[in-house]
Amino acid sequence: MSRRCDITGKGVLAGNNVSHANNKSRRRYLPNVQQRMVYSDVLGAIRLSCTPAGLRTVEHNGGLDAYLLGTNDSKLTAEMLTLKRRLEKALAKRAAA
């Protein structure tokens, strides 16, 4: 599993552990990435690797469908772009029927 949020794009950061004697050793700051089921009105249940901040962003925007349709493509990650395309196709298919 990659340590990157599908929604926000947050990933691993690097830094130093600094001791009392000012010795520095490299360390990694890992994001709180979790596997969660997110529900879409059109697509149903979707499994995402996301951070709690990403989930709050989706909920703040009114759910996954509203978040994807209301967010500019340049601000979405690659996974979210493919999901947005699937959502748009499903909505077009539903409107045509």
PDB file of N, CA and C in Angstrom:
ATOM      1  N   MET A   1       0.842  -1.174   0.000  1.00  0.00           N
ATOM      2  CA  MET A   1       0.000   0.000   0.000  1.00  0.00           C
ATOM      3  C   MET A   1       0.887   1.236   0.000  1.00  0.00           C
ATOM      4  N   SER A   2       0.631   2.125  -0.922  1.00  0.00           N
ATOM      5  CA  SER A   2       1.412   3.358  -0.945  1.00  0.00           C
ATOM      6  C   SER A   2       0.916   4.279   0.163  1.00  0.00           C
ATOM      7  N   ARG A   3       1.798   5.040   0.717  1.00  0.00           N
ATOM      8  CA  ARG A   3       1.452   5.946   1.805  1.00  0.00           C
ATOM      9  C   ARG A   3       1.106   7.312   1.234  1.00  0.00           C
ATOM     10  N   ARG A   4       0.027   7.351   0.448  1.00  0.00           N
ATOM     11  CA  ARG A   4      -0.421   8.603  -0.142  1.00  0.00           C
ATOM     12  C   ARG A   4      -1.940   8.636  -0.085  1.00  0.00           C
ATOM     13  N   CYS A   5      -2.478   9.777   0.304  1.00  0.00           N
ATOM     14  CA  CYS A   5      -3.922   9.962   0.395  1.00  0.00           C
ATOM     15  C   CYS A   5      -4.495  10.127  -1.014  1.00  0.00           C
ATOM     16  N   ASP A   6      -5.551   9.370  -1.333  1.00  0.00           N
ATOM     17  CA  ASP A   6      -6.187   9.481  -2.645  1.00  0.00           C
ATOM     18  C   ASP A   6      -6.902  10.815  -2.816  1.00  0.00           C
ATOM     19  N   ILE A   7      -7.354  11.404  -1.751  1.00  0.00           N
ATOM     20  CA  ILE A   7      -8.148  12.628  -1.839  1.00  0.00           C
ATOM     21  C   ILE A   7      -7.265  13.871  -1.834  1.00  0.00           C
ATOM     22  N   THR A   8      -6.426  14.007  -0.829  1.00  0.00           N
ATOM     23  CA  THR A   8      -5.630  15.224  -0.689  1.00  0.00           C
ATOM     24  C   THR A   8      -4.254  15.118  -1.317  1.00  0.00           C
ATOM     25  N   GLY A   9      -3.755  13.905  -1.537  1.00  0.00           N
ATOM     26  CA  GLY A   9      -2.418  13.729  -2.108  1.00  0.00           C
ATOM     27  C   GLY A   9      -1.301  13.805  -1.079  1.00  0.00           C
ATOM     28  N   LYS A  10      -1.643  13.870   0.216  1.00  0.00           N
ATOM     29  CA  LYS A  10      -0.614  13.925   1.249  1.00  0.00           C
ATOM     30  C   LYS A  10       0.227  12.662   1.195  1.00  0.00           C
ATOM     31  N   GLY A  11       1.550  12.840   1.333  1.00  0.00           N
ATOM     32  CA  GLY A  11       2.458  11.704   1.282  1.00  0.00           C
ATOM     33  C   GLY A  11       3.480  11.756   2.398  1.00  0.00           C
ATOM     34  N   VAL A  12       4.490  10.917   2.269  1.00  0.00           N
ATOM     35  CA  VAL A  12       5.538  10.813   3.274  1.00  0.00           C
ATOM     36  C   VAL A  12       6.443  12.043   3.209  1.00  0.00           C
ATOM     37  N   LEU A  13       6.777  12.587   4.374  1.00  0.00           N
ATOM     38  CA  LEU A  13       7.735  13.683   4.480  1.00  0.00           C
ATOM     39  C   LEU A  13       8.991  13.170   5.168  1.00  0.00           C
ATOM     40  N   ALA A  14      10.110  13.851   4.963  1.00  0.00           N
ATOM     41  CA  ALA A  14      11.371  13.452   5.583  1.00  0.00           C
ATOM     42  C   ALA A  14      11.869  14.576   6.468  1.00  0.00           C
ATOM     43  N   GLY A  15      12.605  14.193   7.492  1.00  0.00           N
ATOM     44  CA  GLY A  15      13.160  15.179   8.410  1.00  0.00           C
ATOM     45  C   GLY A  15      14.261  14.552   9.230  1.00  0.00           C
ATOM     46  N   ASN A  16      14.573  15.170  10.340  1.00  0.00           N
ATOM     47  CA  ASN A  16      15.637  14.700  11.209  1.00  0.00           C
ATOM     48  C   ASN A  16      15.116  14.447  12.614  1.00  0.00           C
ATOM     49  N   ASN A  17      15.651  13.381  13.247  1.00  0.00           N
ATOM     50  CA  ASN A  17      15.563  13.244  14.693  1.00  0.00           C
ATOM     51  C   ASN A  17      16.759  14.007  15.239  1.00  0.00           C
ATOM     52  N   VAL A  18      16.533  14.899  16.150  1.00  0.00           N
ATOM     53  CA  VAL A  18      17.618  15.685  16.722  1.00  0.00           C
ATOM     54  C   VAL A  18      17.726  15.349  18.204  1.00  0.00           C
ATOM     55  N   SER A  19      18.863  14.829  18.605  1.00  0.00           N
ATOM     56  CA  SER A  19      19.073  14.447  19.999  1.00  0.00           C
ATOM     57  C   SER A  19      19.430  15.668  20.840  1.00  0.00           C
ATOM     58  N   HIS A  20      19.522  15.447  22.142  1.00  0.00           N
ATOM     59  CA  HIS A  20      19.909  16.528  23.057  1.00  0.00           C
ATOM     60  C   HIS A  20      21.322  17.023  22.746  1.00  0.00           C
ATOM     61  N   ALA A  21      22.176  16.099  22.239  1.00  0.00           N
ATOM     62  CA  ALA A  21      23.548  16.463  21.873  1.00  0.00           C
ATOM     63  C   ALA A  21      23.624  17.033  20.456  1.00  0.00           C
ATOM     64  N   ASN A  22      22.455  17.299  19.857  1.00  0.00           N
ATOM     65  CA  ASN A  22      22.344  17.878  18.515  1.00  0.00           C
ATOM     66  C   ASN A  22      22.840  16.933  17.426  1.00  0.00           C
ATOM     67  N   ASN A  23      22.804  15.607  17.692  1.00  0.00           N
ATOM     68  CA  ASN A  23      23.087  14.630  16.637  1.00  0.00           C
ATOM     69  C   ASN A  23      21.833  14.492  15.788  1.00  0.00           C
ATOM     70  N   LYS A  24      22.022  14.415  14.472  1.00  0.00           N
ATOM     71  CA  LYS A  24      20.887  14.346  13.568  1.00  0.00           C
ATOM     72  C   LYS A  24      20.892  13.021  12.829  1.00  0.00           C
ATOM     73  N   SER A  25      19.746  12.360  12.815  1.00  0.00           N
ATOM     74  CA  SER A  25      19.575  11.150  12.026  1.00  0.00           C
ATOM     75  C   SER A  25      18.262  11.283  11.255  1.00  0.00           C
ATOM     76  N   ARG A  26      18.257  10.772  10.040  1.00  0.00           N
ATOM     77  CA  ARG A  26      17.088  10.939   9.173  1.00  0.00           C
ATOM     78  C   ARG A  26      15.909  10.107   9.673  1.00  0.00           C
ATOM     79  N   ARG A  27      14.719  10.634   9.462  1.00  0.00           N
ATOM     80  CA  ARG A  27      13.501   9.923   9.813  1.00  0.00           C
ATOM     81  C   ARG A  27      12.424  10.246   8.798  1.00  0.00           C
ATOM     82  N   ARG A  28      11.345   9.492   8.846  1.00  0.00           N
ATOM     83  CA  ARG A  28      10.218   9.697   7.943  1.00  0.00           C
ATOM     84  C   ARG A  28       8.983  10.052   8.761  1.00  0.00           C
ATOM     85  N   TYR A  29       8.225  11.021   8.267  1.00  0.00           N
ATOM     86  CA  TYR A  29       6.946  11.376   8.854  1.00  0.00           C
ATOM     87  C   TYR A  29       5.870  10.743   7.982  1.00  0.00           C
ATOM     88  N   LEU A  30       5.168   9.744   8.523  1.00  0.00           N
ATOM     89  CA  LEU A  30       4.173   9.017   7.745  1.00  0.00           C
ATOM     90  C   LEU A  30       2.788   9.635   7.957  1.00  0.00           C
ATOM     91  N   PRO A  31       2.018   9.805   6.884  1.00  0.00           N
ATOM     92  CA  PRO A  31       0.654  10.318   7.041  1.00  0.00           C
ATOM     93  C   PRO A  31      -0.254   9.231   7.607  1.00  0.00           C
ATOM     94  N   ASN A  32      -1.336   9.639   8.192  1.00  0.00           N
ATOM     95  CA  ASN A  32      -2.298   8.709   8.790  1.00  0.00           C
ATOM     96  C   ASN A  32      -3.237   8.184   7.703  1.00  0.00           C
ATOM     97  N   VAL A  33      -2.705   7.345   6.821  1.00  0.00           N
ATOM     98  CA  VAL A  33      -3.480   6.814   5.698  1.00  0.00           C
ATOM     99  C   VAL A  33      -4.242   5.581   6.160  1.00  0.00           C
ATOM    100  N   GLN A  34      -5.548   5.556   5.880  1.00  0.00           N
ATOM    101  CA  GLN A  34      -6.415   4.456   6.276  1.00  0.00           C
ATOM    102  C   GLN A  34      -7.244   3.995   5.094  1.00  0.00           C
ATOM    103  N   GLN A  35      -7.583   2.718   5.081  1.00  0.00           N
ATOM    104  CA  GLN A  35      -8.476   2.176   4.059  1.00  0.00           C
ATOM    105  C   GLN A  35      -9.911   2.401   4.531  1.00  0.00           C
ATOM    106  N   ARG A  36     -10.693   3.135   3.769  1.00  0.00           N
ATOM    107  CA  ARG A  36     -12.067   3.440   4.153  1.00  0.00           C
ATOM    108  C   ARG A  36     -13.008   3.232   2.971  1.00  0.00           C
ATOM    109  N   MET A  37     -14.249   2.862   3.303  1.00  0.00           N
ATOM    110  CA  MET A  37     -15.300   2.771   2.301  1.00  0.00           C
ATOM    111  C   MET A  37     -16.018   4.114   2.273  1.00  0.00           C
ATOM    112  N   VAL A  38     -16.080   4.711   1.094  1.00  0.00           N
ATOM    113  CA  VAL A  38     -16.783   5.979   0.907  1.00  0.00           C
ATOM    114  C   VAL A  38     -17.955   5.687  -0.021  1.00  0.00           C
ATOM    115  N   TYR A  39     -19.111   6.223   0.299  1.00  0.00           N
ATOM    116  CA  TYR A  39     -20.311   5.913  -0.462  1.00  0.00           C
ATOM    117  C   TYR A  39     -20.667   7.039  -1.418  1.00  0.00           C
ATOM    118  N   SER A  40     -20.941   6.624  -2.645  1.00  0.00           N
ATOM    119  CA  SER A  40     -21.374   7.541  -3.689  1.00  0.00           C
ATOM    120  C   SER A  40     -22.823   7.218  -4.025  1.00  0.00           C
ATOM    121  N   ASP A  41     -23.629   8.239  -4.275  1.00  0.00           N
ATOM    122  CA  ASP A  41     -25.030   8.010  -4.627  1.00  0.00           C
ATOM    123  C   ASP A  41     -25.157   7.281  -5.960  1.00  0.00           C
ATOM    124  N   VAL A  42     -24.250   7.536  -6.868  1.00  0.00           N
ATOM    125  CA  VAL A  42     -24.326   6.961  -8.210  1.00  0.00           C
ATOM    126  C   VAL A  42     -23.520   5.674  -8.324  1.00  0.00           C
ATOM    127  N   LEU A  43     -22.290   5.670  -7.806  1.00  0.00           N
ATOM    128  CA  LEU A  43     -21.380   4.535  -7.991  1.00  0.00           C
ATOM    129  C   LEU A  43     -21.469   3.488  -6.886  1.00  0.00           C
ATOM    130  N   GLY A  44     -22.064   3.817  -5.766  1.00  0.00           N
ATOM    131  CA  GLY A  44     -22.139   2.876  -4.647  1.00  0.00           C
ATOM    132  C   GLY A  44     -20.930   3.013  -3.740  1.00  0.00           C
ATOM    133  N   ALA A  45     -20.525   1.902  -3.121  1.00  0.00           N
ATOM    134  CA  ALA A  45     -19.415   1.920  -2.171  1.00  0.00           C
ATOM    135  C   ALA A  45     -18.082   1.852  -2.912  1.00  0.00           C
ATOM    136  N   ILE A  46     -17.147   2.703  -2.503  1.00  0.00           N
ATOM    137  CA  ILE A  46     -15.820   2.770  -3.122  1.00  0.00           C
ATOM    138  C   ILE A  46     -14.785   2.727  -2.013  1.00  0.00           C
ATOM    139  N   ARG A  47     -13.768   1.890  -2.177  1.00  0.00           N
ATOM    140  CA  ARG A  47     -12.705   1.785  -1.179  1.00  0.00           C
ATOM    141  C   ARG A  47     -11.595   2.764  -1.540  1.00  0.00           C
ATOM    142  N   LEU A  48     -11.210   3.611  -0.574  1.00  0.00           N
ATOM    143  CA  LEU A  48     -10.166   4.606  -0.784  1.00  0.00           C
ATOM    144  C   LEU A  48      -9.109   4.518   0.306  1.00  0.00           C
ATOM    145  N   SER A  49      -7.884   4.859  -0.039  1.00  0.00           N
ATOM    146  CA  SER A  49      -6.822   5.072   0.940  1.00  0.00           C
ATOM    147  C   SER A  49      -6.779   6.566   1.190  1.00  0.00           C
ATOM    148  N   CYS A  50      -7.219   6.974   2.364  1.00  0.00           N
ATOM    149  CA  CYS A  50      -7.294   8.407   2.606  1.00  0.00           C
ATOM    150  C   CYS A  50      -6.985   8.727   4.063  1.00  0.00           C
ATOM    151  N   THR A  51      -6.654   9.985   4.276  1.00  0.00           N
ATOM    152  CA  THR A  51      -6.406  10.485   5.623  1.00  0.00           C
ATOM    153  C   THR A  51      -7.715  11.005   6.214  1.00  0.00           C
ATOM    154  N   PRO A  52      -7.777  11.135   7.525  1.00  0.00           N
ATOM    155  CA  PRO A  52      -8.976  11.740   8.128  1.00  0.00           C
ATOM    156  C   PRO A  52      -9.246  13.146   7.614  1.00  0.00           C
ATOM    157  N   ALA A  53      -8.202  13.903   7.289  1.00  0.00           N
ATOM    158  CA  ALA A  53      -8.402  15.241   6.722  1.00  0.00           C
ATOM    159  C   ALA A  53      -9.087  15.148   5.360  1.00  0.00           C
ATOM    160  N   GLY A  54      -8.754  14.141   4.580  1.00  0.00           N
ATOM    161  CA  GLY A  54      -9.407  13.935   3.289  1.00  0.00           C
ATOM    162  C   GLY A  54     -10.870  13.585   3.450  1.00  0.00           C
ATOM    163  N   LEU A  55     -11.181  12.743   4.437  1.00  0.00           N
ATOM    164  CA  LEU A  55     -12.575  12.395   4.697  1.00  0.00           C
ATOM    165  C   LEU A  55     -13.368  13.613   5.152  1.00  0.00           C
ATOM    166  N   ARG A  56     -12.761  14.456   5.989  1.00  0.00           N
ATOM    167  CA  ARG A  56     -13.444  15.680   6.419  1.00  0.00           C
ATOM    168  C   ARG A  56     -13.695  16.607   5.239  1.00  0.00           C
ATOM    169  N   THR A  57     -12.754  16.662   4.306  1.00  0.00           N
ATOM    170  CA  THR A  57     -12.922  17.492   3.113  1.00  0.00           C
ATOM    171  C   THR A  57     -14.113  17.022   2.296  1.00  0.00           C
ATOM    172  N   VAL A  58     -14.226  15.711   2.115  1.00  0.00           N
ATOM    173  CA  VAL A  58     -15.345  15.152   1.346  1.00  0.00           C
ATOM    174  C   VAL A  58     -16.664  15.442   2.050  1.00  0.00           C
ATOM    175  N   GLU A  59     -16.720  15.222   3.360  1.00  0.00           N
ATOM    176  CA  GLU A  59     -17.955  15.464   4.105  1.00  0.00           C
ATOM    177  C   GLU A  59     -18.329  16.944   4.112  1.00  0.00           C
ATOM    178  N   HIS A  60     -17.339  17.819   4.197  1.00  0.00           N
ATOM    179  CA  HIS A  60     -17.588  19.262   4.195  1.00  0.00           C
ATOM    180  C   HIS A  60     -18.213  19.709   2.872  1.00  0.00           C
ATOM    181  N   ASN A  61     -17.846  19.040   1.784  1.00  0.00           N
ATOM    182  CA  ASN A  61     -18.359  19.411   0.463  1.00  0.00           C
ATOM    183  C   ASN A  61     -19.663  18.708   0.113  1.00  0.00           C
ATOM    184  N   GLY A  62     -20.217  17.919   1.020  1.00  0.00           N
ATOM    185  CA  GLY A  62     -21.525  17.321   0.774  1.00  0.00           C
ATOM    186  C   GLY A  62     -21.485  15.921   0.209  1.00  0.00           C
ATOM    187  N   GLY A  63     -20.443  15.181   0.445  1.00  0.00           N
ATOM    188  CA  GLY A  63     -20.354  13.802  -0.034  1.00  0.00           C
ATOM    189  C   GLY A  63     -19.383  13.678  -1.203  1.00  0.00           C
ATOM    190  N   LEU A  64     -19.115  12.438  -1.584  1.00  0.00           N
ATOM    191  CA  LEU A  64     -18.121  12.164  -2.615  1.00  0.00           C
ATOM    192  C   LEU A  64     -18.525  12.714  -3.976  1.00  0.00           C
ATOM    193  N   ASP A  65     -19.789  12.537  -4.351  1.00  0.00           N
ATOM    194  CA  ASP A  65     -20.241  13.020  -5.660  1.00  0.00           C
ATOM    195  C   ASP A  65     -20.117  14.535  -5.771  1.00  0.00           C
ATOM    196  N   ALA A  66     -20.567  15.247  -4.757  1.00  0.00           N
ATOM    197  CA  ALA A  66     -20.507  16.712  -4.784  1.00  0.00           C
ATOM    198  C   ALA A  66     -19.063  17.191  -4.760  1.00  0.00           C
ATOM    199  N   TYR A  67     -18.213  16.498  -3.998  1.00  0.00           N
ATOM    200  CA  TYR A  67     -16.799  16.878  -3.942  1.00  0.00           C
ATOM    201  C   TYR A  67     -16.135  16.725  -5.308  1.00  0.00           C
ATOM    202  N   LEU A  68     -16.359  15.587  -5.965  1.00  0.00           N
ATOM    203  CA  LEU A  68     -15.719  15.346  -7.260  1.00  0.00           C
ATOM    204  C   LEU A  68     -16.227  16.291  -8.336  1.00  0.00           C
ATOM    205  N   LEU A  69     -17.520  16.508  -8.377  1.00  0.00           N
ATOM    206  CA  LEU A  69     -18.082  17.362  -9.422  1.00  0.00           C
ATOM    207  C   LEU A  69     -17.774  18.840  -9.184  1.00  0.00           C
ATOM    208  N   GLY A  70     -17.576  19.233  -7.933  1.00  0.00           N
ATOM    209  CA  GLY A  70     -17.340  20.630  -7.626  1.00  0.00           C
ATOM    210  C   GLY A  70     -15.878  21.032  -7.573  1.00  0.00           C
ATOM    211  N   THR A  71     -14.958  20.072  -7.671  1.00  0.00           N
ATOM    212  CA  THR A  71     -13.531  20.361  -7.562  1.00  0.00           C
ATOM    213  C   THR A  71     -12.902  20.415  -8.942  1.00  0.00           C
ATOM    214  N   ASN A  72     -12.032  21.383  -9.135  1.00  0.00           N
ATOM    215  CA  ASN A  72     -11.317  21.532 -10.397  1.00  0.00           C
ATOM    216  C   ASN A  72     -10.406  20.329 -10.640  1.00  0.00           C
ATOM    217  N   ASP A  73     -10.259  19.911 -11.904  1.00  0.00           N
ATOM    218  CA  ASP A  73      -9.446  18.744 -12.242  1.00  0.00           C
ATOM    219  C   ASP A  73      -7.989  18.912 -11.828  1.00  0.00           C
ATOM    220  N   SER A  74      -7.475  20.131 -11.851  1.00  0.00           N
ATOM    221  CA  SER A  74      -6.074  20.345 -11.523  1.00  0.00           C
ATOM    222  C   SER A  74      -5.794  20.111 -10.039  1.00  0.00           C
ATOM    223  N   LYS A  75      -6.828  20.140  -9.198  1.00  0.00           N
ATOM    224  CA  LYS A  75      -6.639  19.932  -7.762  1.00  0.00           C
ATOM    225  C   LYS A  75      -6.877  18.492  -7.342  1.00  0.00           C
ATOM    226  N   LEU A  76      -7.304  17.630  -8.254  1.00  0.00           N
ATOM    227  CA  LEU A  76      -7.585  16.237  -7.930  1.00  0.00           C
ATOM    228  C   LEU A  76      -6.381  15.352  -8.229  1.00  0.00           C
ATOM    229  N   THR A  77      -6.238  14.287  -7.441  1.00  0.00           N
ATOM    230  CA  THR A  77      -5.180  13.310  -7.700  1.00  0.00           C
ATOM    231  C   THR A  77      -5.604  12.430  -8.878  1.00  0.00           C
ATOM    232  N   ALA A  78      -4.685  11.622  -9.362  1.00  0.00           N
ATOM    233  CA  ALA A  78      -4.960  10.768 -10.526  1.00  0.00           C
ATOM    234  C   ALA A  78      -6.093   9.784 -10.233  1.00  0.00           C
ATOM    235  N   GLU A  79      -6.111   9.224  -9.021  1.00  0.00           N
ATOM    236  CA  GLU A  79      -7.167   8.278  -8.659  1.00  0.00           C
ATOM    237  C   GLU A  79      -8.526   8.954  -8.638  1.00  0.00           C
ATOM    238  N   MET A  80      -8.558  10.184  -8.128  1.00  0.00           N
ATOM    239  CA  MET A  80      -9.811  10.909  -8.053  1.00  0.00           C
ATOM    240  C   MET A  80     -10.285  11.358  -9.438  1.00  0.00           C
ATOM    241  N   LEU A  81      -9.342  11.635 -10.339  1.00  0.00           N
ATOM    242  CA  LEU A  81      -9.722  11.997 -11.712  1.00  0.00           C
ATOM    243  C   LEU A  81     -10.409  10.828 -12.417  1.00  0.00           C
ATOM    244  N   THR A  82      -9.873   9.631 -12.271  1.00  0.00           N
ATOM    245  CA  THR A  82     -10.508   8.466 -12.895  1.00  0.00           C
ATOM    246  C   THR A  82     -11.877   8.221 -12.281  1.00  0.00           C
ATOM    247  N   LEU A  83     -11.998   8.421 -10.976  1.00  0.00           N
ATOM    248  CA  LEU A  83     -13.280   8.260 -10.302  1.00  0.00           C
ATOM    249  C   LEU A  83     -14.283   9.316 -10.769  1.00  0.00           C
ATOM    250  N   LYS A  84     -13.796  10.537 -11.002  1.00  0.00           N
ATOM    251  CA  LYS A  84     -14.660  11.603 -11.498  1.00  0.00           C
ATOM    252  C   LYS A  84     -15.171  11.274 -12.903  1.00  0.00           C
ATOM    253  N   ARG A  85     -14.315  10.732 -13.740  1.00  0.00           N
ATOM    254  CA  ARG A  85     -14.740  10.349 -15.098  1.00  0.00           C
ATOM    255  C   ARG A  85     -15.805   9.255 -15.040  1.00  0.00           C
ATOM    256  N   ARG A  86     -15.604   8.257 -14.145  1.00  0.00           N
ATOM    257  CA  ARG A  86     -16.606   7.200 -13.979  1.00  0.00           C
ATOM    258  C   ARG A  86     -17.932   7.775 -13.516  1.00  0.00           C
ATOM    259  N   LEU A  87     -17.866   8.739 -12.606  1.00  0.00           N
ATOM    260  CA  LEU A  87     -19.073   9.375 -12.080  1.00  0.00           C
ATOM    261  C   LEU A  87     -19.801  10.148 -13.168  1.00  0.00           C
ATOM    262  N   GLU A  88     -19.051  10.910 -13.977  1.00  0.00           N
ATOM    263  CA  GLU A  88     -19.677  11.685 -15.058  1.00  0.00           C
ATOM    264  C   GLU A  88     -20.335  10.762 -16.079  1.00  0.00           C
ATOM    265  N   LYS A  89     -19.683   9.637 -16.410  1.00  0.00           N
ATOM    266  CA  LYS A  89     -20.267   8.679 -17.360  1.00  0.00           C
ATOM    267  C   LYS A  89     -21.541   8.087 -16.800  1.00  0.00           C
ATOM    268  N   ALA A  90     -21.521   7.721 -15.514  1.00  0.00           N
ATOM    269  CA  ALA A  90     -22.708   7.129 -14.898  1.00  0.00           C
ATOM    270  C   ALA A  90     -23.854   8.127 -14.838  1.00  0.00           C
ATOM    271  N   LEU A  91     -23.543   9.390 -14.537  1.00  0.00           N
ATOM    272  CA  LEU A  91     -24.589  10.414 -14.509  1.00  0.00           C
ATOM    273  C   LEU A  91     -25.171  10.648 -15.903  1.00  0.00           C
ATOM    274  N   ALA A  92     -24.331  10.656 -16.926  1.00  0.00           N
ATOM    275  CA  ALA A  92     -24.812  10.837 -18.299  1.00  0.00           C
ATOM    276  C   ALA A  92     -25.686   9.661 -18.717  1.00  0.00           C
ATOM    277  N   LYS A  93     -25.279   8.466 -18.328  1.00  0.00           N
ATOM    278  CA  LYS A  93     -26.047   7.268 -18.665  1.00  0.00           C
ATOM    279  C   LYS A  93     -27.398   7.293 -17.954  1.00  0.00           C
ATOM    280  N   ARG A  94     -27.399   7.739 -16.690  1.00  0.00           N
ATOM    281  CA  ARG A  94     -28.640   7.809 -15.928  1.00  0.00           C
ATOM    282  C   ARG A  94     -29.573   8.877 -16.507  1.00  0.00           C
ATOM    283  N   ALA A  95     -29.011  10.003 -16.962  1.00  0.00           N
ATOM    284  CA  ALA A  95     -29.833  11.071 -17.533  1.00  0.00           C
ATOM    285  C   ALA A  95     -30.423  10.662 -18.878  1.00  0.00           C
ATOM    286  N   ALA A  96     -29.681   9.862 -19.641  1.00  0.00           N
ATOM    287  CA  ALA A  96     -30.162   9.429 -20.958  1.00  0.00           C
ATOM    288  C   ALA A  96     -31.297   8.416 -20.849  1.00  0.00           C
ATOM    289  N   ALA A  97     -31.284   7.646 -19.776  1.00  0.00           N
ATOM    290  CA  ALA A  97     -32.298   6.588 -19.622  1.00  0.00           C
ATOM    291  C   ALA A  97     -33.609   7.097 -19.071  1.00  0.00           C
TER     292      ALA A  97
END
